[in-house]
Every structure is written in C-alpha cells, then in structure tokens.
Amino acid sequence: MTTETQSTIDHQTATRATLDQTAPTALSLALDEAVARFAAHKTASGYQRALLSRLVVDPRRRPRE
C-alpha cells in the first residue's frame, strides 16, 4: 500500500470519526463501506479487482430473460 493510499484512508477515517458525532448512522455506515471498498480496490490484485467490480451493478449489464 502506498503512502498516498494510506493517507487517503487515514483522512477518510478521521472524517468518519467526525461524522460519527454529528451525522446519522446511515451516513456513517455508507462512509465505512466506501473506505472498505477503496482499501480493498487499492490493495487487490487484478483478479480480485475484477471480482470487486462485479459487485457494483451496472444497469447496462442486465441478464437476458
């Protein structure tokens, strides 16, 4: 993990700590998920990144019925 990646994660974690005191729980949980996805994407291999990208639903890629 690069220092830039770690710095971004640290900043987002600090932001989350601030939001925990002032924002609704749903927003805090959404930020937790975003930080986790960012960290997983930045540290994943190409294969793992491809699997992670499939978790995001693309409306253009609908299964044929």
PDB file of N, CA and C in Angstrom:
ATOM      1  N   MET A   1       0.848  -1.157   0.000  1.00  0.00           N
ATOM      2  CA  MET A   1       0.000   0.000   0.000  1.00  0.00           C
ATOM      3  C   MET A   1       0.904   1.234   0.000  1.00  0.00           C
ATOM      4  N   THR A   2       0.587   2.177  -0.864  1.00  0.00           N
ATOM      5  CA  THR A   2       1.410   3.374  -0.943  1.00  0.00           C
ATOM      6  C   THR A   2       1.069   4.330   0.192  1.00  0.00           C
ATOM      7  N   THR A   3       1.961   5.277   0.435  1.00  0.00           N
ATOM      8  CA  THR A   3       1.689   6.270   1.483  1.00  0.00           C
ATOM      9  C   THR A   3       0.524   7.156   1.081  1.00  0.00           C
ATOM     10  N   GLU A   4       0.353   7.389  -0.219  1.00  0.00           N
ATOM     11  CA  GLU A   4      -0.791   8.191  -0.680  1.00  0.00           C
ATOM     12  C   GLU A   4      -2.107   7.479  -0.367  1.00  0.00           C
ATOM     13  N   THR A   5      -2.143   6.185  -0.615  1.00  0.00           N
ATOM     14  CA  THR A   5      -3.331   5.393  -0.304  1.00  0.00           C
ATOM     15  C   THR A   5      -3.602   5.411   1.187  1.00  0.00           C
ATOM     16  N   GLN A   6      -2.564   5.194   1.997  1.00  0.00           N
ATOM     17  CA  GLN A   6      -2.730   5.189   3.445  1.00  0.00           C
ATOM     18  C   GLN A   6      -3.177   6.554   3.936  1.00  0.00           C
ATOM     19  N   SER A   7      -2.629   7.612   3.364  1.00  0.00           N
ATOM     20  CA  SER A   7      -3.019   8.962   3.742  1.00  0.00           C
ATOM     21  C   SER A   7      -4.494   9.214   3.453  1.00  0.00           C
ATOM     22  N   THR A   8      -4.954   8.744   2.297  1.00  0.00           N
ATOM     23  CA  THR A   8      -6.367   8.913   1.930  1.00  0.00           C
ATOM     24  C   THR A   8      -7.258   8.141   2.886  1.00  0.00           C
ATOM     25  N   ILE A   9      -6.863   6.912   3.207  1.00  0.00           N
ATOM     26  CA  ILE A   9      -7.649   6.101   4.139  1.00  0.00           C
ATOM     27  C   ILE A   9      -7.668   6.754   5.514  1.00  0.00           C
ATOM     28  N   ASP A  10      -6.531   7.264   5.972  1.00  0.00           N
ATOM     29  CA  ASP A  10      -6.471   7.946   7.272  1.00  0.00           C
ATOM     30  C   ASP A  10      -7.388   9.163   7.280  1.00  0.00           C
ATOM     31  N   HIS A  11      -7.361   9.933   6.199  1.00  0.00           N
ATOM     32  CA  HIS A  11      -8.214  11.124   6.111  1.00  0.00           C
ATOM     33  C   HIS A  11      -9.687  10.730   6.159  1.00  0.00           C
ATOM     34  N   GLN A  12     -10.049   9.678   5.415  1.00  0.00           N
ATOM     35  CA  GLN A  12     -11.448   9.236   5.400  1.00  0.00           C
ATOM     36  C   GLN A  12     -11.856   8.699   6.765  1.00  0.00           C
ATOM     37  N   THR A  13     -10.944   8.026   7.452  1.00  0.00           N
ATOM     38  CA  THR A  13     -11.237   7.510   8.782  1.00  0.00           C
ATOM     39  C   THR A  13     -11.444   8.664   9.769  1.00  0.00           C
ATOM     40  N   ALA A  14     -10.633   9.694   9.660  1.00  0.00           N
ATOM     41  CA  ALA A  14     -10.797  10.871  10.520  1.00  0.00           C
ATOM     42  C   ALA A  14     -12.122  11.563  10.224  1.00  0.00           C
ATOM     43  N   THR A  15     -12.469  11.640   8.943  1.00  0.00           N
ATOM     44  CA  THR A  15     -13.746  12.240   8.562  1.00  0.00           C
ATOM     45  C   THR A  15     -14.889  11.434   9.147  1.00  0.00           C
ATOM     46  N   ARG A  16     -14.761  10.105   9.097  1.00  0.00           N
ATOM     47  CA  ARG A  16     -15.796   9.233   9.652  1.00  0.00           C
ATOM     48  C   ARG A  16     -15.953   9.473  11.157  1.00  0.00           C
ATOM     49  N   ALA A  17     -14.844   9.633  11.857  1.00  0.00           N
ATOM     50  CA  ALA A  17     -14.903   9.874  13.299  1.00  0.00           C
ATOM     51  C   ALA A  17     -15.663  11.167  13.592  1.00  0.00           C
ATOM     52  N   THR A  18     -15.437  12.182  12.774  1.00  0.00           N
ATOM     53  CA  THR A  18     -16.153  13.446  12.936  1.00  0.00           C
ATOM     54  C   THR A  18     -17.633  13.262  12.641  1.00  0.00           C
ATOM     55  N   LEU A  19     -17.939  12.529  11.574  1.00  0.00           N
ATOM     56  CA  LEU A  19     -19.336  12.306  11.202  1.00  0.00           C
ATOM     57  C   LEU A  19     -20.071  11.478  12.246  1.00  0.00           C
ATOM     58  N   ASP A  20     -19.367  10.577  12.913  1.00  0.00           N
ATOM     59  CA  ASP A  20     -19.999   9.766  13.951  1.00  0.00           C
ATOM     60  C   ASP A  20     -20.632  10.641  15.027  1.00  0.00           C
ATOM     61  N   GLN A  21     -20.049  11.785  15.276  1.00  0.00           N
ATOM     62  CA  GLN A  21     -20.548  12.668  16.318  1.00  0.00           C
ATOM     63  C   GLN A  21     -21.675  13.568  15.819  1.00  0.00           C
ATOM     64  N   THR A  22     -21.752  13.782  14.509  1.00  0.00           N
ATOM     65  CA  THR A  22     -22.683  14.783  14.005  1.00  0.00           C
ATOM     66  C   THR A  22     -23.698  14.284  12.990  1.00  0.00           C
ATOM     67  N   ALA A  23     -23.468  13.131  12.379  1.00  0.00           N
ATOM     68  CA  ALA A  23     -24.324  12.679  11.281  1.00  0.00           C
ATOM     69  C   ALA A  23     -25.127  11.438  11.667  1.00  0.00           C
ATOM     70  N   PRO A  24     -26.178  11.177  10.909  1.00  0.00           N
ATOM     71  CA  PRO A  24     -26.966   9.957  11.149  1.00  0.00           C
ATOM     72  C   PRO A  24     -26.130   8.699  10.923  1.00  0.00           C
ATOM     73  N   THR A  25     -26.540   7.629  11.525  1.00  0.00           N
ATOM     74  CA  THR A  25     -25.819   6.364  11.430  1.00  0.00           C
ATOM     75  C   THR A  25     -25.716   5.876   9.989  1.00  0.00           C
ATOM     76  N   ALA A  26     -26.748   6.070   9.189  1.00  0.00           N
ATOM     77  CA  ALA A  26     -26.732   5.591   7.806  1.00  0.00           C
ATOM     78  C   ALA A  26     -25.572   6.210   7.019  1.00  0.00           C
ATOM     79  N   LEU A  27     -25.335   7.481   7.225  1.00  0.00           N
ATOM     80  CA  LEU A  27     -24.235   8.148   6.527  1.00  0.00           C
ATOM     81  C   LEU A  27     -22.894   7.593   6.993  1.00  0.00           C
ATOM     82  N   SER A  28     -22.771   7.361   8.271  1.00  0.00           N
ATOM     83  CA  SER A  28     -21.545   6.801   8.819  1.00  0.00           C
ATOM     84  C   SER A  28     -21.280   5.409   8.252  1.00  0.00           C
ATOM     85  N   LEU A  29     -22.315   4.590   8.162  1.00  0.00           N
ATOM     86  CA  LEU A  29     -22.153   3.245   7.614  1.00  0.00           C
ATOM     87  C   LEU A  29     -21.798   3.294   6.135  1.00  0.00           C
ATOM     88  N   ALA A  30     -22.368   4.233   5.402  1.00  0.00           N
ATOM     89  CA  ALA A  30     -22.040   4.377   3.980  1.00  0.00           C
ATOM     90  C   ALA A  30     -20.577   4.766   3.807  1.00  0.00           C
ATOM     91  N   LEU A  31     -20.086   5.637   4.664  1.00  0.00           N
ATOM     92  CA  LEU A  31     -18.678   6.036   4.586  1.00  0.00           C
ATOM     93  C   LEU A  31     -17.765   4.867   4.951  1.00  0.00           C
ATOM     94  N   ASP A  32     -18.160   4.079   5.955  1.00  0.00           N
ATOM     95  CA  ASP A  32     -17.395   2.866   6.299  1.00  0.00           C
ATOM     96  C   ASP A  32     -17.272   1.952   5.094  1.00  0.00           C
ATOM     97  N   GLU A  33     -18.379   1.749   4.404  1.00  0.00           N
ATOM     98  CA  GLU A  33     -18.370   0.866   3.239  1.00  0.00           C
ATOM     99  C   GLU A  33     -17.495   1.438   2.134  1.00  0.00           C
ATOM    100  N   ALA A  34     -17.567   2.745   1.919  1.00  0.00           N
ATOM    101  CA  ALA A  34     -16.757   3.380   0.879  1.00  0.00           C
ATOM    102  C   ALA A  34     -15.265   3.235   1.189  1.00  0.00           C
ATOM    103  N   VAL A  35     -14.883   3.438   2.442  1.00  0.00           N
ATOM    104  CA  VAL A  35     -13.476   3.295   2.838  1.00  0.00           C
ATOM    105  C   VAL A  35     -13.026   1.846   2.642  1.00  0.00           C
ATOM    106  N   ALA A  36     -13.865   0.897   3.029  1.00  0.00           N
ATOM    107  CA  ALA A  36     -13.514  -0.518   2.876  1.00  0.00           C
ATOM    108  C   ALA A  36     -13.348  -0.892   1.407  1.00  0.00           C
ATOM    109  N   ARG A  37     -14.262  -0.412   0.559  1.00  0.00           N
ATOM    110  CA  ARG A  37     -14.163  -0.716  -0.873  1.00  0.00           C
ATOM    111  C   ARG A  37     -12.916  -0.074  -1.481  1.00  0.00           C
ATOM    112  N   PHE A  38     -12.628   1.173  -1.077  1.00  0.00           N
ATOM    113  CA  PHE A  38     -11.448   1.859  -1.587  1.00  0.00           C
ATOM    114  C   PHE A  38     -10.182   1.094  -1.203  1.00  0.00           C
ATOM    115  N   ALA A  39     -10.092   0.717   0.053  1.00  0.00           N
ATOM    116  CA  ALA A  39      -8.909  -0.003   0.531  1.00  0.00           C
ATOM    117  C   ALA A  39      -8.782  -1.351  -0.169  1.00  0.00           C
ATOM    118  N   ALA A  40      -9.882  -2.062  -0.322  1.00  0.00           N
ATOM    119  CA  ALA A  40      -9.849  -3.372  -0.982  1.00  0.00           C
ATOM    120  C   ALA A  40      -9.442  -3.212  -2.443  1.00  0.00           C
ATOM    121  N   HIS A  41      -9.955  -2.190  -3.097  1.00  0.00           N
ATOM    122  CA  HIS A  41      -9.647  -1.988  -4.509  1.00  0.00           C
ATOM    123  C   HIS A  41      -8.168  -1.618  -4.702  1.00  0.00           C
ATOM    124  N   LYS A  42      -7.635  -0.772  -3.834  1.00  0.00           N
ATOM    125  CA  LYS A  42      -6.248  -0.318  -3.972  1.00  0.00           C
ATOM    126  C   LYS A  42      -5.242  -1.414  -3.638  1.00  0.00           C
ATOM    127  N   THR A  43      -5.618  -2.354  -2.802  1.00  0.00           N
ATOM    128  CA  THR A  43      -4.669  -3.391  -2.395  1.00  0.00           C
ATOM    129  C   THR A  43      -4.897  -4.715  -3.117  1.00  0.00           C
ATOM    130  N   ALA A  44      -5.932  -4.798  -3.925  1.00  0.00           N
ATOM    131  CA  ALA A  44      -6.283  -6.061  -4.582  1.00  0.00           C
ATOM    132  C   ALA A  44      -5.427  -6.307  -5.820  1.00  0.00           C
ATOM    133  N   SER A  45      -5.286  -7.570  -6.152  1.00  0.00           N
ATOM    134  CA  SER A  45      -4.633  -7.935  -7.407  1.00  0.00           C
ATOM    135  C   SER A  45      -5.614  -7.667  -8.548  1.00  0.00           C
ATOM    136  N   GLY A  46      -5.161  -7.772  -9.761  1.00  0.00           N
ATOM    137  CA  GLY A  46      -6.041  -7.560 -10.912  1.00  0.00           C
ATOM    138  C   GLY A  46      -7.237  -8.491 -10.897  1.00  0.00           C
ATOM    139  N   TYR A  47      -7.032  -9.744 -10.535  1.00  0.00           N
ATOM    140  CA  TYR A  47      -8.121 -10.719 -10.480  1.00  0.00           C
ATOM    141  C   TYR A  47      -9.138 -10.325  -9.409  1.00  0.00           C
ATOM    142  N   GLN A  48      -8.630  -9.966  -8.222  1.00  0.00           N
ATOM    143  CA  GLN A  48      -9.533  -9.580  -7.138  1.00  0.00           C
ATOM    144  C   GLN A  48     -10.280  -8.298  -7.495  1.00  0.00           C
ATOM    145  N   ARG A  49      -9.608  -7.376  -8.172  1.00  0.00           N
ATOM    146  CA  ARG A  49     -10.246  -6.131  -8.580  1.00  0.00           C
ATOM    147  C   ARG A  49     -11.403  -6.407  -9.538  1.00  0.00           C
ATOM    148  N   ALA A  50     -11.196  -7.361 -10.436  1.00  0.00           N
ATOM    149  CA  ALA A  50     -12.260  -7.733 -11.372  1.00  0.00           C
ATOM    150  C   ALA A  50     -13.465  -8.302 -10.617  1.00  0.00           C
ATOM    151  N   LEU A  51     -13.192  -9.112  -9.598  1.00  0.00           N
ATOM    152  CA  LEU A  51     -14.293  -9.651  -8.802  1.00  0.00           C
ATOM    153  C   LEU A  51     -15.015  -8.547  -8.037  1.00  0.00           C
ATOM    154  N   LEU A  52     -14.264  -7.605  -7.473  1.00  0.00           N
ATOM    155  CA  LEU A  52     -14.877  -6.494  -6.749  1.00  0.00           C
ATOM    156  C   LEU A  52     -15.730  -5.639  -7.677  1.00  0.00           C
ATOM    157  N   SER A  53     -15.280  -5.437  -8.901  1.00  0.00           N
ATOM    158  CA  SER A  53     -16.033  -4.596  -9.826  1.00  0.00           C
ATOM    159  C   SER A  53     -17.372  -5.223 -10.184  1.00  0.00           C
ATOM    160  N   ARG A  54     -17.473  -6.547 -10.075  1.00  0.00           N
ATOM    161  CA  ARG A  54     -18.740  -7.213 -10.367  1.00  0.00           C
ATOM    162  C   ARG A  54     -19.768  -7.012  -9.261  1.00  0.00           C
ATOM    163  N   LEU A  55     -19.327  -6.570  -8.093  1.00  0.00           N
ATOM    164  CA  LEU A  55     -20.259  -6.302  -7.006  1.00  0.00           C
ATOM    165  C   LEU A  55     -21.085  -5.052  -7.282  1.00  0.00           C
ATOM    166  N   VAL A  56     -20.542  -4.177  -8.109  1.00  0.00           N
ATOM    167  CA  VAL A  56     -21.249  -2.949  -8.452  1.00  0.00           C
ATOM    168  C   VAL A  56     -22.172  -3.256  -9.624  1.00  0.00           C
ATOM    169  N   VAL A  57     -23.447  -2.961  -9.473  1.00  0.00           N
ATOM    170  CA  VAL A  57     -24.423  -3.279 -10.507  1.00  0.00           C
ATOM    171  C   VAL A  57     -24.362  -2.224 -11.598  1.00  0.00           C
ATOM    172  N   ASP A  58     -24.137  -2.690 -12.805  1.00  0.00           N
ATOM    173  CA  ASP A  58     -24.122  -1.807 -13.963  1.00  0.00           C
ATOM    174  C   ASP A  58     -25.461  -1.969 -14.677  1.00  0.00           C
ATOM    175  N   PRO A  59     -26.267  -0.905 -14.775  1.00  0.00           N
ATOM    176  CA  PRO A  59     -27.591  -1.041 -15.384  1.00  0.00           C
ATOM    177  C   PRO A  59     -27.544  -1.475 -16.849  1.00  0.00           C
ATOM    178  N   ARG A  60     -26.413  -1.269 -17.508  1.00  0.00           N
ATOM    179  CA  ARG A  60     -26.294  -1.690 -18.902  1.00  0.00           C
ATOM    180  C   ARG A  60     -26.084  -3.183 -19.024  1.00  0.00           C
ATOM    181  N   ARG A  61     -25.672  -3.833 -17.938  1.00  0.00           N
ATOM    182  CA  ARG A  61     -25.379  -5.266 -17.974  1.00  0.00           C
ATOM    183  C   ARG A  61     -26.489  -6.047 -17.280  1.00  0.00           C
ATOM    184  N   ARG A  62     -27.647  -6.046 -17.874  1.00  0.00           N
ATOM    185  CA  ARG A  62     -28.772  -6.782 -17.297  1.00  0.00           C
ATOM    186  C   ARG A  62     -28.814  -8.187 -17.888  1.00  0.00           C
ATOM    187  N   PRO A  63     -29.138  -9.169 -17.059  1.00  0.00           N
ATOM    188  CA  PRO A  63     -29.251 -10.521 -17.606  1.00  0.00           C
ATOM    189  C   PRO A  63     -30.446 -10.609 -18.555  1.00  0.00           C
ATOM    190  N   ARG A  64     -30.276 -11.351 -19.600  1.00  0.00           N
ATOM    191  CA  ARG A  64     -31.380 -11.518 -20.564  1.00  0.00           C
ATOM    192  C   ARG A  64     -32.393 -12.498 -19.997  1.00  0.00           C
ATOM    193  N   GLU A  65     -33.637 -12.170 -20.184  1.00  0.00           N
ATOM    194  CA  GLU A  65     -34.714 -13.024 -19.662  1.00  0.00           C
ATOM    195  C   GLU A  65     -35.253 -13.933 -20.728  1.00  0.00           C
TER     196      GLU A  65
END
